[in-house]
N, C-alpha and C. Protein backbone atom coordinates (compact mmCIF):
# COMPACT_ATOMS: atom_id res chain seq x y z
N UNK A 1 147.91 94.91 158.72
CA UNK A 1 148.06 96.24 159.28
C UNK A 1 146.72 96.82 159.74
N UNK A 2 145.68 96.08 159.61
CA UNK A 2 144.35 96.59 159.95
C UNK A 2 144.22 96.99 161.42
N UNK A 3 144.95 96.34 162.31
CA UNK A 3 144.82 96.63 163.74
C UNK A 3 145.80 97.68 164.23
N UNK A 4 146.63 98.20 163.38
CA UNK A 4 147.64 99.17 163.80
C UNK A 4 147.03 100.55 163.94
N UNK A 5 147.47 101.25 164.96
CA UNK A 5 146.99 102.62 165.19
C UNK A 5 147.81 103.64 164.42
N UNK A 6 149.07 103.26 164.12
CA UNK A 6 149.96 104.20 163.44
C UNK A 6 150.87 103.44 162.48
N UNK A 7 150.99 103.98 161.28
CA UNK A 7 151.91 103.43 160.28
C UNK A 7 152.76 104.59 159.78
N UNK A 8 154.06 104.37 159.73
CA UNK A 8 154.99 105.38 159.24
C UNK A 8 155.60 104.91 157.93
N UNK A 9 155.65 105.81 156.98
CA UNK A 9 156.24 105.53 155.68
C UNK A 9 157.45 106.45 155.53
N UNK A 10 158.63 105.86 155.39
CA UNK A 10 159.87 106.63 155.23
C UNK A 10 160.33 106.47 153.78
N UNK A 11 160.51 107.60 153.10
CA UNK A 11 160.88 107.59 151.69
C UNK A 11 161.97 108.62 151.42
N UNK A 12 162.63 108.48 150.29
CA UNK A 12 163.65 109.45 149.89
C UNK A 12 162.95 110.80 149.62
N UNK A 13 163.60 111.91 149.96
CA UNK A 13 162.98 113.23 149.77
C UNK A 13 162.52 113.53 148.34
N UNK A 14 163.17 112.93 147.35
CA UNK A 14 162.76 113.16 145.96
C UNK A 14 161.34 112.63 145.73
N UNK A 15 160.97 111.56 146.42
CA UNK A 15 159.65 110.95 146.25
C UNK A 15 158.59 111.55 147.18
N UNK A 16 159.01 112.40 148.10
CA UNK A 16 158.11 112.87 149.16
C UNK A 16 156.84 113.54 148.63
N UNK A 17 156.97 114.51 147.77
CA UNK A 17 155.79 115.24 147.27
C UNK A 17 154.85 114.33 146.48
N UNK A 18 155.43 113.45 145.71
CA UNK A 18 154.61 112.52 144.92
C UNK A 18 153.80 111.60 145.83
N UNK A 19 154.45 111.03 146.83
CA UNK A 19 153.75 110.13 147.76
C UNK A 19 152.74 110.92 148.59
N UNK A 20 153.12 112.10 149.01
CA UNK A 20 152.22 112.93 149.79
C UNK A 20 150.95 113.26 149.00
N UNK A 21 151.08 113.45 147.70
CA UNK A 21 149.91 113.75 146.88
C UNK A 21 148.96 112.56 146.77
N UNK A 22 149.43 111.37 147.11
CA UNK A 22 148.60 110.16 147.09
C UNK A 22 148.20 109.70 148.49
N UNK A 23 148.41 110.55 149.48
CA UNK A 23 148.14 110.15 150.86
C UNK A 23 146.68 109.74 151.07
N UNK A 24 145.74 110.45 150.46
CA UNK A 24 144.32 110.10 150.62
C UNK A 24 144.04 108.69 150.09
N UNK A 25 144.66 108.36 148.96
CA UNK A 25 144.51 107.01 148.40
C UNK A 25 145.06 105.97 149.37
N UNK A 26 146.22 106.25 149.92
CA UNK A 26 146.84 105.33 150.87
C UNK A 26 146.01 105.20 152.14
N UNK A 27 145.48 106.31 152.61
CA UNK A 27 144.67 106.29 153.83
C UNK A 27 143.41 105.45 153.65
N UNK A 28 142.90 105.36 152.43
CA UNK A 28 141.69 104.59 152.16
C UNK A 28 141.91 103.09 152.42
N UNK A 29 143.15 102.65 152.43
CA UNK A 29 143.48 101.25 152.67
C UNK A 29 143.26 100.89 154.14
N UNK A 30 143.48 101.85 155.03
CA UNK A 30 143.46 101.61 156.47
C UNK A 30 142.10 101.92 157.08
N UNK A 31 141.83 101.31 158.24
CA UNK A 31 140.62 101.70 158.98
C UNK A 31 140.71 103.17 159.40
N UNK A 32 139.60 103.74 159.72
CA UNK A 32 139.55 105.18 160.04
C UNK A 32 140.38 105.57 161.25
N UNK A 33 140.62 104.67 162.18
CA UNK A 33 141.36 105.02 163.39
C UNK A 33 142.88 104.81 163.25
N UNK A 34 143.36 104.57 162.04
CA UNK A 34 144.80 104.41 161.80
C UNK A 34 145.37 105.69 161.22
N UNK A 35 146.47 106.13 161.78
CA UNK A 35 147.16 107.32 161.29
C UNK A 35 148.31 106.90 160.37
N UNK A 36 148.47 107.61 159.27
CA UNK A 36 149.58 107.37 158.35
C UNK A 36 150.46 108.61 158.36
N UNK A 37 151.72 108.40 158.67
CA UNK A 37 152.71 109.48 158.66
C UNK A 37 153.73 109.20 157.58
N UNK A 38 154.05 110.23 156.81
CA UNK A 38 155.02 110.09 155.72
C UNK A 38 156.20 111.00 156.03
N UNK A 39 157.39 110.41 156.05
CA UNK A 39 158.61 111.14 156.39
C UNK A 39 159.64 111.04 155.28
N UNK A 40 160.23 112.17 154.89
CA UNK A 40 161.39 112.10 153.98
C UNK A 40 162.61 111.65 154.76
N UNK A 41 163.45 110.84 154.14
CA UNK A 41 164.64 110.30 154.81
C UNK A 41 165.81 110.34 153.84
N UNK A 42 166.74 111.26 154.10
CA UNK A 42 167.91 111.44 153.24
C UNK A 42 168.82 110.22 153.17
N UNK A 43 168.72 109.34 154.15
CA UNK A 43 169.59 108.17 154.19
C UNK A 43 169.13 107.04 153.26
N UNK A 44 167.92 107.15 152.73
CA UNK A 44 167.39 106.10 151.87
C UNK A 44 167.79 106.32 150.41
N UNK A 45 167.88 105.22 149.67
CA UNK A 45 168.07 105.29 148.22
C UNK A 45 166.79 105.85 147.60
N UNK A 46 166.90 106.38 146.39
CA UNK A 46 165.73 106.99 145.74
C UNK A 46 164.56 106.03 145.58
N UNK A 47 164.84 104.76 145.38
CA UNK A 47 163.77 103.78 145.16
C UNK A 47 163.39 103.02 146.42
N UNK A 48 163.95 103.41 147.56
CA UNK A 48 163.68 102.69 148.81
C UNK A 48 162.46 103.24 149.53
N UNK A 49 161.87 102.36 150.31
CA UNK A 49 160.72 102.72 151.13
C UNK A 49 160.75 101.83 152.37
N UNK A 50 160.59 102.42 153.53
CA UNK A 50 160.53 101.68 154.78
C UNK A 50 159.14 101.90 155.38
N UNK A 51 158.49 100.81 155.74
CA UNK A 51 157.19 100.89 156.41
C UNK A 51 157.39 100.46 157.85
N UNK A 52 157.02 101.32 158.79
CA UNK A 52 157.14 101.01 160.21
C UNK A 52 155.77 100.97 160.85
N UNK A 53 155.58 100.01 161.75
CA UNK A 53 154.35 99.90 162.52
C UNK A 53 154.69 99.31 163.88
N UNK A 54 153.65 99.05 164.68
CA UNK A 54 153.88 98.43 165.97
C UNK A 54 154.50 97.04 165.82
N UNK A 55 154.32 96.44 164.67
CA UNK A 55 154.81 95.08 164.42
C UNK A 55 156.27 95.05 163.99
N UNK A 56 156.84 96.20 163.63
CA UNK A 56 158.23 96.23 163.22
C UNK A 56 158.45 97.09 161.99
N UNK A 57 159.55 96.81 161.33
CA UNK A 57 160.00 97.60 160.20
C UNK A 57 160.16 96.69 158.98
N UNK A 58 159.70 97.17 157.81
CA UNK A 58 159.76 96.37 156.61
C UNK A 58 160.27 97.21 155.43
N UNK A 59 161.22 96.66 154.69
CA UNK A 59 161.72 97.29 153.47
C UNK A 59 160.73 96.99 152.35
N UNK A 60 160.25 98.02 151.70
CA UNK A 60 159.25 97.82 150.64
C UNK A 60 159.62 98.54 149.36
N UNK A 61 160.88 98.86 149.19
CA UNK A 61 161.31 99.60 148.01
C UNK A 61 161.39 98.74 146.77
N UNK A 62 161.55 99.40 145.65
CA UNK A 62 161.63 98.73 144.36
C UNK A 62 162.80 97.74 144.34
N UNK A 63 163.94 98.12 144.88
CA UNK A 63 165.10 97.23 144.88
C UNK A 63 164.83 95.93 145.61
N UNK A 64 164.21 96.01 146.78
CA UNK A 64 163.92 94.79 147.54
C UNK A 64 162.86 93.95 146.84
N UNK A 65 161.90 94.60 146.18
CA UNK A 65 160.89 93.86 145.44
C UNK A 65 161.51 93.13 144.25
N UNK A 66 162.41 93.80 143.54
CA UNK A 66 163.09 93.15 142.42
C UNK A 66 163.93 91.98 142.89
N UNK A 67 164.59 92.12 144.02
CA UNK A 67 165.39 91.03 144.57
C UNK A 67 164.50 89.84 144.91
N UNK A 68 163.35 90.09 145.51
CA UNK A 68 162.43 89.01 145.86
C UNK A 68 161.91 88.31 144.59
N UNK A 69 161.61 89.07 143.56
CA UNK A 69 161.17 88.49 142.28
C UNK A 69 162.27 87.60 141.70
N UNK A 70 163.50 88.08 141.75
CA UNK A 70 164.64 87.31 141.25
C UNK A 70 164.78 85.98 142.00
N UNK A 71 164.67 86.02 143.31
CA UNK A 71 164.76 84.80 144.13
C UNK A 71 163.65 83.83 143.75
N UNK A 72 162.43 84.32 143.64
CA UNK A 72 161.29 83.44 143.33
C UNK A 72 161.41 82.86 141.93
N UNK A 73 161.86 83.65 140.96
CA UNK A 73 162.05 83.13 139.60
C UNK A 73 163.14 82.09 139.55
N UNK A 74 164.23 82.33 140.29
CA UNK A 74 165.32 81.35 140.35
C UNK A 74 164.82 80.04 140.96
N UNK A 75 164.05 80.13 142.04
CA UNK A 75 163.49 78.93 142.66
C UNK A 75 162.57 78.18 141.68
N UNK A 76 161.79 78.93 140.95
CA UNK A 76 160.87 78.34 139.97
C UNK A 76 161.65 77.62 138.87
N UNK A 77 162.67 78.26 138.35
CA UNK A 77 163.47 77.67 137.27
C UNK A 77 164.25 76.46 137.74
N UNK A 78 164.75 76.50 138.96
CA UNK A 78 165.50 75.36 139.50
C UNK A 78 164.59 74.17 139.77
N UNK A 79 163.30 74.44 140.00
CA UNK A 79 162.36 73.38 140.28
C UNK A 79 161.92 72.61 139.04
N UNK A 80 162.15 73.16 137.87
CA UNK A 80 161.73 72.50 136.61
C UNK A 80 162.68 71.43 136.18
């Protein structure tokens, strides 16, 4: 994401103030010429997060992370 000029973070409204209070921390990850926009989205689950950039859209919520962990653990166990 280093080359992106704009990154949008879509989160459930319940999480909005909490994430907004950490915006400076999040901005520190990006180069100075990148803008970070945070939007509340009523259509998302409470634990969901969508990251949008010029490269596309990515689900980054807790549910999708847990699913990915489950898949990787299953693959690991099946490989033994």
